[in-house]
């Protein structure tokens, strides 16, 4: 399976999409590079929520491996999402290209780092990693399978987090040009934390807020006026991320001054008055002589 990410992760194909090597290679050849921002934490959460579920082709008995390929430093917190995957027994390999942050790669990747972290100076040099990485991946799968067969326990991703682990009934209220208020009903099992991600639907940069698991409301502020926002609420537990709760709402346009009146005219002055625009802190007044007016 493969997903690309920037500010909005996108599944290119699921684990169950292709059944032969040639089909996978053809899909890779037809892949178009996405480009954009580097929100690695959001991407890892997407992989856990969307790509490693049974309905996307993940088999409970199969070993779970994630190979992260990045050419920059994450613009959100990748460590929390990575730790959630690792707590579930999912092994993460991190490959950095060009401007990737090696310290971040080492935080995200699984142990031992000498087998799971790689860095190259440019994309063409990735070909030099293929042989070694293939060997390491196959060896790690065999080692983990042998441990499982010998009686060691391996954590599986829950088949369905369900209502026990997922919040419900997201309500968005008190919407203004700059803010909105979120409330939701908690899952049956209270989470350790909530991760709220919000961003403009037309390609804006995502922002996130992390709340204590006992909190079920949040006011988002400093938003852009007259803009549609996508909002997601993720419950985070020690070893799993529950299904996200999503909503969409547009902020209001900025209000305008109304009822412009002119009074107290003289040979070189006029007085203007108007009804205030809600939320305005200053006004800019422009005036010019009409095209057919006097020279003054």
Foldseek 3Di string as FASTA:
>chain_A
DDWDDAQDIDDLAAPPRDDDPVVVVVSVVPDDHDDHHAAQLVNLQCCQQPRCAVVRPHDQLAAAEAEAEEAEEHPDDNLVSLQLCVLQRYFYAYEYEAHYDQVVRQSNGDPPNVLRYYYDHHDVCVVVCVVSNVVSVVVVRVVVNVCVVVPDDGHGRDNAPPQQQEWDDWDWDPFAQFKIKIFIGAGVHQAQKKKKWKAFPVDGHIDIDIGGSVDGMDMGGRHHGQTKMKMWIWGHHNRDIHDIDIDIDHHHHFFDWDDWDWDDDDPPDIDIDTHDGPPDPDDDDDDDADPPGDPD
